[in-house]
Amino acid sequence: MVIEAKSRWALAGLLVGTGVLYLWGLGASGWANSFYSAAVQAGSQSWKAFFFGASDAANAITVDKTPASLWPMVLSVRLFGLNSWAILIPQALMGVGAVAMVYASVRRLFPAWAGLLAGAVMALTPVAVLMFRFNKLLTVAAYAVLRAQERGSTGWLVVAGSAIGFAFLAKMLQSFLVLPGFALLYLVTAPVAFWRRVWQLSLAGAAMVVSAGWWLLAVALVPAADRPYIGGSQTNSVLELALGYNGIGRLNGADYGGLGNLNQQAGWLRLFDTEAGGQISWLLPAALVLLVAATWLTRRAPRVDPVRAAFLVWGSWLVVTGLVFSLMQGIFHAYYTVALAPAIAALVGMGVAVLWERRAYRLLSVVTAGTVVWSYLLLSRSAEWNSWLGVAVLVVGLGAALAMLFARRMSAVVAVVAVAVVACLAGPAAYAVDTAASPHTGAIPSAGPSTGGFGRSPGAGFQLPGGGGQPSGWPPGGDGGQTSFRQWPRGDGGQSRGRGGMGMGGLLGAGTPAAELTALLKNGAYT
């Protein structure tokens, strides 16, 4: 009972700390991505705009996403008024909830400390800190699948299907990337008869279709004249938006507004490159090594073994989603990799627990050494930012890895492993704190300090072509500023404030409009 009480207090501390990190200085980001914040404002003024995700209260055009991710923010603004805190706090609180779900998923099968480690990895992932304090369920689905697998529960499997379906209304086809692994895992490992598994998966699939399809059907049934134009589509079609522009077009870069192959850097190492590496890859190599090691160590376990099933759930999530992000030829931004954070966190927590239980200290030493070396390389990409940190991480981490090989007493091993964990988390934690301490605006944000290539400069904005504040067009397709560099009517010379990614993160930042433009709008010149 004392141990359980300590675990609960430790979990409370983790969640409170996560909340502080995600909420710290949140108002400094202003409207963050003003393209989506404008839709939040519109939804707070019109229930029709709320339902369709319209960019304006007059319901002329929607944003380029299905609207579920906007709904919590709209409800918050309706309750507390229009301000940056009301818009951004729901995202931060959902981030805290994601950390809690990762902890709960790991804790069911492993010691509390493993769940806490997984939760800490999730909380300190730089891109998670960025996106959960910015305009931005699948962790619920993973948890439900694991609960279903334990006893062959139909109810939990239906919950998983419903969660994935509703996630579709926030991130569309990206939410379906976990489906192959989840379905195959349950079909192979659930402790019930084969045809019962098939029937259960059919029910879960039906729940997913209903959860995702009700909104699509409603939009499709409303005459085009009675709803906003579907932004992001070329034919005013919600199916084209979901399956084309935000689906096939993202994969091949050619169809349905894919805008050609804009990402020549697509390849097997994309997640480790200058743009994405510092956002997500700190513990990615460790997660992959621990996945392979744990799968090998549990190879003789029964078919229904829940521990091995847990590794397959999170491992399939990481591998499938990671490969798609690496190889997709259409629009890709490094902040998409936030989708990998829960899988990496869970695999690290579970993998360290398995190696600890098997006393595989040599492998833990190798994982530690590899992680701190990679951390050093990532930190060296920002040579002018706390240059001492990379050296400290390398020295302390390699020292702990070496000591792990020679420690004999359990107390000494525990101390050395604790030091190793601190060294491995120091790099992403530093990036996380830097992210929380810096305002972020625009369509392409980036976590951490400036790096070479696609890094960003603190306080520097992106100059839209032409400067000045006179309008020369409207961004086609409503793509949140990802594909258009046309000039917006702004009073700040087209420059954004705060931090963004790729040197243009402030694109579509909310600048103060020129007095002339304000006067024209008030006089009805743009009606």
Protein backbone atom coordinates (compact mmCIF):
# COMPACT_ATOMS: atom_id res chain seq x y z
CA MET A 1 0.00 0.00 0.00
CA VAL A 2 2.86 2.37 0.75
CA ILE A 3 4.40 1.61 -2.65
CA GLU A 4 1.05 2.23 -4.37
CA ALA A 5 0.68 5.55 -2.56
CA LYS A 6 4.16 6.59 -3.63
CA SER A 7 3.37 5.62 -7.21
CA ARG A 8 0.23 7.72 -7.20
CA TRP A 9 2.10 10.70 -5.83
CA ALA A 10 4.80 10.19 -8.45
CA LEU A 11 2.16 10.06 -11.19
CA ALA A 12 0.53 13.19 -9.83
CA GLY A 13 3.91 14.91 -9.87
CA LEU A 14 4.50 13.82 -13.47
CA LEU A 15 1.12 15.12 -14.64
CA VAL A 16 1.43 18.39 -12.74
CA GLY A 17 4.93 18.89 -14.10
CA THR A 18 3.69 18.13 -17.61
CA GLY A 19 0.88 20.62 -17.18
CA VAL A 20 3.28 23.33 -16.04
CA LEU A 21 5.60 22.63 -18.98
CA TYR A 22 2.80 22.68 -21.55
CA LEU A 23 1.05 25.73 -20.09
CA TRP A 24 4.11 27.82 -19.26
CA GLY A 25 4.00 31.13 -21.12
CA LEU A 26 1.28 29.80 -23.40
CA GLY A 27 -0.21 33.22 -23.99
CA ALA A 28 3.06 34.46 -25.54
CA SER A 29 2.24 32.52 -28.71
CA GLY A 30 -0.72 34.79 -29.36
CA TRP A 31 -3.02 33.23 -31.93
CA ALA A 32 -0.35 30.60 -32.79
CA ASN A 33 -1.53 29.37 -36.21
CA SER A 34 -3.97 32.16 -36.97
CA PHE A 35 -5.39 30.24 -39.94
CA TYR A 36 -6.97 27.72 -37.57
CA SER A 37 -7.51 30.26 -34.80
CA ALA A 38 -9.68 32.21 -37.21
CA ALA A 39 -11.79 29.07 -37.67
CA VAL A 40 -12.08 28.77 -33.89
CA GLN A 41 -13.30 32.35 -33.73
CA ALA A 42 -15.79 31.67 -36.52
CA GLY A 43 -17.08 28.57 -34.75
CA SER A 44 -17.58 30.53 -31.56
CA GLN A 45 -19.88 32.89 -33.47
CA SER A 46 -21.75 30.41 -35.65
CA TRP A 47 -22.77 26.83 -34.87
CA LYS A 48 -22.81 26.15 -38.59
CA ALA A 49 -19.18 27.25 -38.83
CA PHE A 50 -18.48 25.07 -35.77
CA PHE A 51 -19.93 21.98 -37.43
CA PHE A 52 -18.23 22.42 -40.80
CA GLY A 53 -14.97 23.93 -39.56
CA ALA A 54 -15.45 27.12 -41.56
CA SER A 55 -12.72 29.74 -41.68
CA ASP A 56 -15.26 32.53 -41.28
CA ALA A 57 -18.55 33.00 -39.52
CA ALA A 58 -20.20 33.72 -42.88
CA ASN A 59 -19.36 30.12 -43.86
CA ALA A 60 -17.65 30.82 -47.18
CA ILE A 61 -14.95 28.13 -46.96
CA THR A 62 -13.70 25.53 -44.49
CA VAL A 63 -10.18 24.93 -43.31
CA ASP A 64 -8.25 22.12 -45.00
CA LYS A 65 -8.95 19.60 -42.23
CA THR A 66 -11.90 17.80 -40.74
CA PRO A 67 -13.01 19.91 -37.77
CA ALA A 68 -12.85 17.65 -34.70
CA SER A 69 -9.52 19.10 -33.58
CA LEU A 70 -11.12 22.57 -33.58
CA TRP A 71 -14.21 21.66 -31.58
CA PRO A 72 -12.64 21.61 -28.07
CA MET A 73 -11.06 25.01 -28.74
CA VAL A 74 -14.31 26.45 -30.06
CA LEU A 75 -16.21 25.27 -26.97
CA SER A 76 -13.51 26.78 -24.78
CA VAL A 77 -13.82 30.13 -26.54
CA ARG A 78 -17.60 30.03 -26.21
CA LEU A 79 -17.16 29.54 -22.46
CA PHE A 80 -14.27 31.88 -21.72
CA GLY A 81 -14.22 34.37 -24.58
CA LEU A 82 -11.81 34.84 -27.45
CA ASN A 83 -8.20 34.95 -26.27
CA SER A 84 -5.06 32.92 -26.88
CA TRP A 85 -5.37 31.03 -23.60
CA ALA A 86 -8.90 29.88 -24.34
CA ILE A 87 -7.77 28.66 -27.76
CA LEU A 88 -4.58 26.89 -26.70
CA ILE A 89 -5.33 25.49 -23.22
CA PRO A 90 -7.52 22.61 -24.51
CA GLN A 91 -4.56 21.38 -26.59
CA ALA A 92 -2.23 21.54 -23.59
CA LEU A 93 -4.69 19.66 -21.37
CA MET A 94 -5.10 16.97 -24.02
CA GLY A 95 -1.31 16.67 -23.99
CA VAL A 96 -1.40 16.00 -20.26
CA GLY A 97 -4.12 13.43 -20.93
CA ALA A 98 -1.94 11.72 -23.53
CA VAL A 99 0.87 11.42 -20.99
CA ALA A 100 -1.58 9.88 -18.53
CA MET A 101 -2.78 7.36 -21.13
CA VAL A 102 0.78 6.33 -22.00
CA TYR A 103 1.45 5.80 -18.28
CA ALA A 104 -1.75 3.78 -17.85
CA SER A 105 -0.98 1.58 -20.86
CA VAL A 106 2.51 0.71 -19.62
CA ARG A 107 1.50 0.42 -15.96
CA ARG A 108 -1.00 -2.37 -16.59
CA LEU A 109 1.79 -4.85 -17.36
CA PHE A 110 4.92 -3.29 -15.90
CA PRO A 111 6.10 -1.65 -12.67
CA ALA A 112 5.02 1.89 -11.87
CA TRP A 113 8.51 3.22 -12.55
CA ALA A 114 8.30 1.92 -16.13
CA GLY A 115 5.04 3.80 -16.62
CA LEU A 116 6.58 6.93 -15.13
CA LEU A 117 9.58 6.63 -17.45
CA ALA A 118 7.29 6.24 -20.46
CA GLY A 119 5.22 9.21 -19.34
CA ALA A 120 8.33 11.35 -18.85
CA VAL A 121 9.63 10.46 -22.32
CA MET A 122 6.27 11.42 -23.78
CA ALA A 123 6.09 14.67 -21.83
CA LEU A 124 9.63 15.74 -22.76
CA THR A 125 9.49 14.93 -26.47
CA PRO A 126 10.20 18.35 -28.01
CA VAL A 127 7.61 18.12 -30.78
CA ALA A 128 4.97 17.08 -28.24
CA VAL A 129 5.75 20.13 -26.12
CA LEU A 130 5.42 22.23 -29.26
CA MET A 131 2.17 20.79 -30.60
CA PHE A 132 0.34 20.46 -27.28
CA ARG A 133 0.85 24.16 -26.71
CA PHE A 134 -0.05 25.01 -30.30
CA ASN A 135 -3.11 24.67 -32.57
CA LYS A 136 -3.31 20.86 -32.74
CA LEU A 137 -6.84 9.90 -29.39
CA LEU A 138 -4.87 7.33 -30.68
CA THR A 139 -3.34 6.67 -27.24
CA VAL A 140 -6.86 5.84 -26.08
CA ALA A 141 -7.19 3.35 -28.94
CA ALA A 142 -3.88 1.67 -28.07
CA TYR A 143 -4.91 1.37 -24.42
CA ALA A 144 -8.28 -0.09 -25.42
CA VAL A 145 -6.68 -2.64 -27.78
CA LEU A 146 -4.38 -3.81 -25.00
CA ARG A 147 -7.32 -4.13 -22.61
CA ALA A 148 -9.25 -6.06 -25.26
CA GLN A 149 -6.32 -8.40 -25.94
CA GLU A 150 -5.91 -9.36 -22.30
CA ARG A 151 -9.26 -11.17 -22.07
CA GLY A 152 -10.70 -11.05 -25.57
CA SER A 153 -13.07 -8.22 -24.66
CA THR A 154 -15.51 -7.16 -27.35
CA GLY A 155 -16.40 -3.95 -25.54
CA TRP A 156 -12.83 -2.69 -25.31
CA LEU A 157 -12.22 -3.53 -28.97
CA VAL A 158 -15.29 -1.51 -29.97
CA VAL A 159 -13.96 1.37 -27.87
CA ALA A 160 -10.69 1.15 -29.81
CA GLY A 161 -12.50 1.23 -33.14
CA SER A 162 -14.61 4.19 -32.07
CA ALA A 163 -11.52 6.09 -30.88
CA ILE A 164 -9.72 5.53 -34.18
CA GLY A 165 -12.82 6.59 -36.10
CA PHE A 166 -13.18 9.82 -34.15
CA ALA A 167 -9.44 10.44 -34.53
CA PHE A 168 -10.10 10.37 -38.28
CA LEU A 169 -12.24 13.47 -37.85
CA ALA A 170 -9.18 15.23 -36.45
CA LYS A 171 -6.29 13.88 -38.56
CA MET A 172 -8.02 11.92 -41.32
CA LEU A 173 -6.04 9.06 -42.90
CA GLN A 174 -3.08 9.53 -40.57
CA SER A 175 -5.20 8.03 -37.80
CA PHE A 176 -5.65 4.85 -39.85
CA LEU A 177 -1.92 4.13 -39.98
CA VAL A 178 -2.20 2.19 -36.71
CA LEU A 179 -4.99 -0.03 -38.04
CA PRO A 180 -2.95 -2.79 -39.73
CA GLY A 181 -0.85 -3.48 -36.65
CA PHE A 182 -3.73 -3.25 -34.18
CA ALA A 183 -6.03 -5.52 -36.19
CA LEU A 184 -3.36 -8.11 -36.95
CA LEU A 185 -2.20 -8.12 -33.34
CA TYR A 186 -5.70 -8.85 -32.05
CA LEU A 187 -6.43 -11.42 -34.73
CA VAL A 188 -3.28 -13.37 -33.86
CA THR A 189 -2.98 -12.99 -30.08
CA ALA A 190 -6.43 -12.54 -28.51
CA PRO A 191 -7.28 -15.42 -26.10
CA VAL A 192 -10.58 -16.40 -27.76
CA ALA A 193 -11.57 -18.64 -30.66
CA PHE A 194 -10.49 -17.54 -34.13
CA TRP A 195 -13.94 -16.85 -35.58
CA ARG A 196 -14.92 -14.93 -32.47
CA ARG A 197 -11.87 -12.73 -33.08
CA VAL A 198 -13.01 -12.16 -36.65
CA TRP A 199 -16.50 -11.24 -35.48
CA GLN A 200 -15.12 -8.88 -32.82
CA LEU A 201 -12.89 -7.13 -35.34
CA SER A 202 -15.88 -6.74 -37.64
CA LEU A 203 -17.82 -5.04 -34.85
CA ALA A 204 -14.86 -2.77 -34.09
CA GLY A 205 -14.57 -1.93 -37.78
CA ALA A 206 -18.26 -1.04 -37.92
CA ALA A 207 -17.83 1.18 -34.85
CA MET A 208 -14.90 2.90 -36.53
CA VAL A 209 -16.88 3.51 -39.74
CA VAL A 210 -19.81 4.98 -37.81
CA SER A 211 -17.54 7.12 -35.62
CA ALA A 212 -15.67 8.51 -38.63
CA GLY A 213 -18.41 8.41 -41.25
CA TRP A 214 -21.31 10.22 -39.63
CA TRP A 215 -19.76 13.64 -40.22
CA LEU A 216 -18.65 12.82 -43.76
CA LEU A 217 -22.14 11.59 -44.58
CA ALA A 218 -23.75 14.66 -43.07
CA VAL A 219 -21.53 16.99 -45.10
CA ALA A 220 -22.07 15.00 -48.29
CA LEU A 221 -25.86 15.16 -47.85
CA VAL A 222 -25.96 18.93 -47.38
CA PRO A 223 -26.32 20.70 -50.75
CA ALA A 224 -23.21 22.63 -51.74
CA ALA A 225 -25.19 25.88 -51.79
CA ASP A 226 -26.11 25.43 -48.12
CA ARG A 227 -22.65 24.80 -46.70
CA PRO A 228 -19.14 26.27 -46.96
CA TYR A 229 -16.83 25.28 -49.80
CA ILE A 230 -14.62 22.38 -48.68
CA GLY A 231 -11.19 23.98 -48.36
CA GLY A 232 -8.26 21.90 -49.59
CA SER A 233 -10.37 20.13 -52.21
CA GLN A 234 -10.49 21.03 -55.89
CA THR A 235 -14.06 19.82 -56.44
CA ASN A 236 -15.80 20.98 -53.25
CA SER A 237 -15.78 17.38 -52.03
CA VAL A 238 -15.22 16.26 -48.45
CA LEU A 239 -14.18 12.82 -49.68
CA GLU A 240 -11.53 14.37 -51.91
CA LEU A 241 -10.28 16.35 -48.91
CA ALA A 242 -10.07 13.32 -46.63
CA LEU A 243 -8.93 10.66 -49.09
CA GLY A 244 -7.19 12.79 -51.70
CA TYR A 245 -5.59 16.06 -50.59
CA ASN A 246 -4.94 14.76 -47.07
CA GLY A 247 -4.54 11.16 -48.23
CA ILE A 248 -3.18 9.96 -51.55
CA GLY A 249 -1.82 13.41 -52.40
CA ARG A 250 0.32 13.35 -49.27
CA LEU A 251 1.73 9.95 -50.19
CA ASN A 252 2.61 10.41 -53.85
CA GLY A 253 2.86 14.20 -54.04
CA ALA A 254 1.02 14.28 -57.34
CA ASP A 255 -2.70 13.53 -57.10
CA TYR A 256 -5.55 15.54 -55.56
CA GLY A 257 -3.63 18.74 -54.96
CA GLY A 258 -0.48 16.94 -53.88
CA LEU A 259 1.46 19.86 -55.41
CA GLY A 260 4.11 17.66 -56.96
CA ASN A 261 7.08 16.17 -55.18
CA LEU A 262 7.86 18.99 -52.80
CA ASN A 263 9.94 16.82 -50.50
CA GLN A 264 13.01 15.57 -52.30
CA GLN A 265 14.50 14.80 -48.87
CA ALA A 266 12.05 11.90 -48.45
CA GLY A 267 13.95 8.75 -47.56
CA TRP A 268 14.74 6.18 -44.91
CA LEU A 269 16.64 8.68 -42.74
CA ARG A 270 14.17 11.57 -42.92
CA LEU A 271 13.25 11.27 -39.23
CA PHE A 272 16.91 11.78 -38.31
CA ASP A 273 17.67 14.72 -40.59
CA THR A 274 18.19 18.35 -39.69
CA GLU A 275 14.51 19.21 -39.95
CA ALA A 276 12.94 16.34 -37.99
CA GLY A 277 15.80 14.94 -35.91
CA GLY A 278 15.63 17.36 -33.01
CA GLN A 279 11.83 17.16 -32.93
CA ILE A 280 11.38 13.42 -32.39
CA SER A 281 14.46 11.23 -32.85
CA TRP A 282 16.24 11.57 -29.48
CA LEU A 283 15.04 8.18 -28.22
CA LEU A 284 13.91 6.73 -31.55
CA PRO A 285 17.00 4.49 -31.96
CA ALA A 286 16.61 3.29 -28.37
CA ALA A 287 12.93 2.49 -28.95
CA LEU A 288 13.73 0.43 -32.04
CA VAL A 289 16.54 -1.48 -30.32
CA LEU A 290 14.37 -2.16 -27.27
CA LEU A 291 11.52 -3.32 -29.52
CA VAL A 292 13.76 -5.86 -31.25
CA ALA A 293 15.35 -6.98 -27.98
CA ALA A 294 12.04 -7.44 -26.15
CA THR A 295 10.49 -9.28 -29.09
CA TRP A 296 13.45 -11.68 -29.11
CA LEU A 297 13.41 -12.19 -25.35
CA THR A 298 9.68 -13.02 -25.40
CA ARG A 299 9.84 -15.22 -28.50
CA ARG A 300 8.96 -18.38 -26.53
CA ALA A 301 6.04 -16.78 -24.70
CA PRO A 302 2.52 -18.16 -25.36
CA ARG A 303 0.58 -16.81 -28.31
CA VAL A 304 -1.68 -14.80 -26.01
CA ASP A 305 1.13 -13.31 -23.91
CA PRO A 306 0.03 -9.71 -23.12
CA VAL A 307 3.59 -8.40 -22.68
CA ARG A 308 4.63 -9.39 -26.18
CA ALA A 309 1.28 -8.10 -27.47
CA ALA A 310 2.00 -4.71 -25.91
CA PHE A 311 5.31 -4.49 -27.75
CA LEU A 312 3.60 -5.42 -31.00
CA VAL A 313 0.88 -2.78 -30.53
CA TRP A 314 3.29 0.06 -29.92
CA GLY A 315 5.94 -1.34 -32.26
CA SER A 316 3.53 -1.57 -35.20
CA TRP A 317 2.41 1.99 -34.49
CA LEU A 318 6.00 3.25 -34.56
CA VAL A 319 7.22 1.26 -37.57
CA VAL A 320 4.25 1.76 -39.90
CA THR A 321 3.73 5.45 -39.12
CA GLY A 322 7.47 6.12 -39.15
CA LEU A 323 7.93 4.51 -42.55
CA VAL A 324 5.02 6.44 -44.05
CA PHE A 325 6.41 9.73 -42.72
CA SER A 326 9.87 8.86 -44.00
CA LEU A 327 8.86 7.92 -47.53
CA MET A 328 5.80 10.07 -48.29
CA GLN A 329 6.37 12.27 -51.33
CA GLY A 330 3.74 14.93 -50.70
CA ILE A 331 3.52 17.71 -48.13
CA PHE A 332 5.44 16.83 -44.98
CA HIS A 333 6.36 18.93 -41.98
CA ALA A 334 8.49 17.86 -39.03
CA TYR A 335 5.74 18.57 -36.53
CA TYR A 336 3.73 15.67 -37.99
CA THR A 337 6.11 13.42 -36.06
CA VAL A 338 4.24 14.17 -32.84
CA ALA A 339 2.20 11.11 -33.86
CA LEU A 340 5.26 8.95 -33.07
CA ALA A 341 5.81 10.26 -29.55
CA PRO A 342 3.42 7.91 -27.66
CA ALA A 343 4.86 4.81 -29.35
CA ILE A 344 8.46 5.81 -28.65
CA ALA A 345 7.64 6.62 -25.03
CA ALA A 346 5.81 3.34 -24.40
CA LEU A 347 8.51 1.22 -26.05
CA VAL A 348 11.26 2.90 -24.01
CA GLY A 349 9.41 2.41 -20.72
CA MET A 350 8.45 -1.20 -21.44
CA GLY A 351 11.78 -2.11 -23.02
CA VAL A 352 13.86 -0.85 -20.12
CA ALA A 353 11.56 -2.76 -17.74
CA VAL A 354 12.03 -6.03 -19.64
CA LEU A 355 15.81 -5.66 -19.79
CA TRP A 356 15.91 -4.74 -16.11
CA GLU A 357 13.84 -7.78 -15.16
CA ARG A 358 16.11 -10.03 -17.24
CA ARG A 359 19.21 -8.31 -15.78
CA ALA A 360 20.38 -7.54 -19.32
CA TYR A 361 22.65 -4.76 -18.10
CA ARG A 362 25.01 -5.05 -21.04
CA LEU A 363 22.25 -4.32 -23.48
CA LEU A 364 21.04 -1.45 -21.30
CA SER A 365 24.60 -0.14 -21.41
CA VAL A 366 24.64 -0.31 -25.21
CA VAL A 367 21.27 1.46 -25.44
CA THR A 368 22.48 4.18 -23.08
CA ALA A 369 25.72 4.71 -24.99
CA GLY A 370 23.96 4.88 -28.34
CA THR A 371 21.34 7.30 -27.03
CA VAL A 372 23.80 9.78 -25.53
CA VAL A 373 26.01 9.69 -28.63
CA TRP A 374 23.01 10.50 -30.79
CA SER A 375 21.96 13.21 -28.32
CA TYR A 376 25.41 14.73 -28.61
CA LEU A 377 25.15 14.78 -32.40
CA LEU A 378 21.69 16.39 -32.27
CA LEU A 379 22.84 19.01 -29.79
CA SER A 380 25.87 19.78 -31.94
CA ARG A 381 23.51 20.94 -34.69
CA SER A 382 22.86 23.99 -32.51
CA ALA A 383 26.51 24.75 -31.79
CA GLU A 384 25.85 28.24 -30.40
CA TRP A 385 23.09 27.10 -28.06
CA ASN A 386 24.37 25.79 -24.72
CA SER A 387 27.36 24.14 -26.34
CA TRP A 388 28.44 22.65 -23.01
CA LEU A 389 25.30 20.49 -22.77
CA GLY A 390 26.24 18.03 -25.50
CA VAL A 391 29.63 17.39 -23.93
CA ALA A 392 28.08 16.93 -20.49
CA VAL A 393 25.48 14.49 -21.83
CA LEU A 394 28.16 12.51 -23.65
CA VAL A 395 30.57 12.30 -20.71
CA VAL A 396 27.95 11.50 -18.06
CA GLY A 397 26.06 9.08 -20.29
CA LEU A 398 29.10 7.12 -21.45
CA GLY A 399 30.35 7.04 -17.85
CA ALA A 400 27.05 5.57 -16.70
CA ALA A 401 27.05 3.07 -19.58
CA LEU A 402 30.54 1.92 -18.61
CA ALA A 403 29.74 1.74 -14.89
CA MET A 404 26.68 -0.37 -15.69
CA LEU A 405 28.99 -3.13 -16.89
CA PHE A 406 30.92 -3.31 -13.62
CA ALA A 407 28.38 -2.47 -10.90
CA ARG A 408 27.69 -5.45 -8.66
CA ARG A 409 25.52 -4.28 -5.78
CA MET A 410 21.90 -3.67 -6.62
CA SER A 411 22.00 -0.24 -4.99
CA ALA A 412 24.92 0.71 -7.23
CA VAL A 413 23.14 -0.60 -10.33
CA VAL A 414 20.02 1.38 -9.47
CA ALA A 415 22.07 4.56 -9.01
CA VAL A 416 23.93 4.07 -12.28
CA VAL A 417 20.74 3.39 -14.24
CA ALA A 418 19.15 6.50 -12.74
CA VAL A 419 22.12 8.58 -13.92
CA ALA A 420 21.85 6.96 -17.35
CA VAL A 421 18.16 7.89 -17.59
CA VAL A 422 18.93 11.50 -16.67
CA ALA A 423 21.68 11.67 -19.29
CA CYS A 424 19.42 10.21 -21.98
CA LEU A 425 16.60 12.63 -21.21
CA ALA A 426 18.75 15.74 -20.75
CA GLY A 427 18.86 16.62 -24.46
CA PRO A 428 15.13 16.39 -25.21
CA ALA A 429 14.35 18.01 -21.86
CA ALA A 430 16.53 21.01 -22.75
CA TYR A 431 14.80 21.30 -26.12
CA ALA A 432 11.43 20.97 -24.36
CA VAL A 433 12.19 23.78 -21.91
CA ASP A 434 13.49 25.99 -24.74
CA THR A 435 10.28 25.32 -26.66
CA ALA A 436 8.08 26.16 -23.69
CA ALA A 437 10.03 29.36 -23.06
CA SER A 438 9.68 30.63 -26.64
CA PRO A 439 6.58 31.96 -28.41
CA HIS A 440 5.59 30.13 -31.59
CA THR A 441 3.42 31.49 -34.36
CA GLY A 442 2.52 30.59 -37.91
CA ALA A 443 1.82 27.51 -39.98
CA ILE A 444 5.13 25.62 -39.72
CA PRO A 445 6.34 25.68 -36.11
CA SER A 446 9.47 23.96 -34.87
CA ALA A 447 10.59 22.89 -31.39
CA GLY A 448 13.93 23.69 -29.80
CA PRO A 449 16.69 26.10 -30.84
CA SER A 450 17.73 27.00 -34.36
CA THR A 451 19.55 24.33 -36.36
CA GLY A 452 21.14 24.36 -39.78
CA GLY A 453 19.14 23.77 -42.92
CA PHE A 454 15.51 23.97 -41.90
CA GLY A 455 16.13 25.43 -38.47
CA ARG A 456 14.66 28.67 -37.30
CA SER A 457 16.06 31.84 -35.92
CA PRO A 458 14.72 33.13 -32.59
CA GLY A 459 12.58 36.17 -33.08
CA ALA A 460 12.99 36.12 -36.84
CA GLY A 461 9.95 36.09 -39.07
CA PHE A 462 9.30 35.11 -42.64
CA GLN A 463 9.05 37.83 -45.24
CA LEU A 464 6.27 37.12 -47.65
CA PRO A 465 7.03 38.07 -51.25
CA GLY A 466 6.38 41.68 -51.94
CA GLY A 467 6.55 43.00 -48.35
CA GLY A 468 3.90 45.64 -47.78
CA GLY A 469 0.36 45.22 -46.64
CA GLN A 470 -1.66 45.25 -49.85
CA PRO A 471 -3.56 42.07 -50.78
CA SER A 472 -2.69 40.30 -54.00
CA GLY A 473 -4.61 37.05 -53.72
CA TRP A 474 -6.08 34.45 -51.47
CA PRO A 475 -4.24 31.25 -50.52
CA PRO A 476 -5.75 28.51 -52.68
CA GLY A 477 -7.29 25.46 -51.06
CA GLY A 478 -7.16 26.76 -47.50
CA ASP A 479 -4.04 24.80 -46.66
CA GLY A 480 -3.10 26.53 -43.46
CA GLY A 481 -0.23 28.27 -45.18
CA GLN A 482 1.58 25.09 -46.11
CA THR A 483 1.51 25.52 -49.85
CA SER A 484 0.92 29.16 -50.62
CA PHE A 485 3.36 32.03 -50.33
CA ARG A 486 1.03 34.69 -51.61
CA GLN A 487 1.01 37.98 -49.89
CA TRP A 488 -1.50 38.57 -47.12
CA PRO A 489 -2.95 41.94 -46.18
CA ARG A 490 -0.93 42.71 -43.08
CA GLY A 491 0.38 45.75 -41.36
CA ASP A 492 3.68 44.27 -40.22
CA GLY A 493 5.33 44.12 -43.61
CA GLY A 494 4.44 40.45 -43.89
CA GLN A 495 6.75 39.51 -41.04
CA SER A 496 5.77 37.17 -38.26
CA ARG A 497 6.74 37.22 -34.64
CA GLY A 498 8.09 34.49 -32.44
CA ARG A 499 9.42 31.19 -33.65
CA GLY A 500 8.56 28.98 -36.54
CA GLY A 501 10.17 26.20 -38.50
CA MET A 502 12.09 26.07 -41.77
CA GLY A 503 12.72 29.78 -41.55
CA MET A 504 9.07 30.45 -42.32
CA GLY A 505 7.20 29.22 -39.30
CA GLY A 506 5.47 32.56 -38.92
CA LEU A 507 3.73 32.14 -42.27
CA LEU A 508 0.13 33.17 -41.71
CA GLY A 509 1.01 34.61 -38.33
CA ALA A 510 -1.51 37.05 -36.95
CA GLY A 511 0.01 40.45 -37.63
CA THR A 512 -1.78 43.73 -37.00
CA PRO A 513 -3.60 44.77 -40.19
CA ALA A 514 -2.75 48.09 -41.78
CA ALA A 515 -5.01 50.99 -40.85
CA GLU A 516 -5.92 51.43 -44.52
CA LEU A 517 -7.08 47.85 -44.79
CA THR A 518 -9.10 48.10 -41.60
CA ALA A 519 -10.84 51.19 -42.92
CA LEU A 520 -11.62 49.50 -46.23
CA LEU A 521 -13.12 46.48 -44.48
CA LYS A 522 -15.22 48.65 -42.18
CA ASN A 523 -16.49 50.56 -45.20
CA GLY A 524 -17.51 47.37 -46.96
CA ALA A 525 -14.90 47.57 -49.71
CA TYR A 526 -14.34 43.80 -49.66
CA THR A 527 -17.94 42.69 -49.64
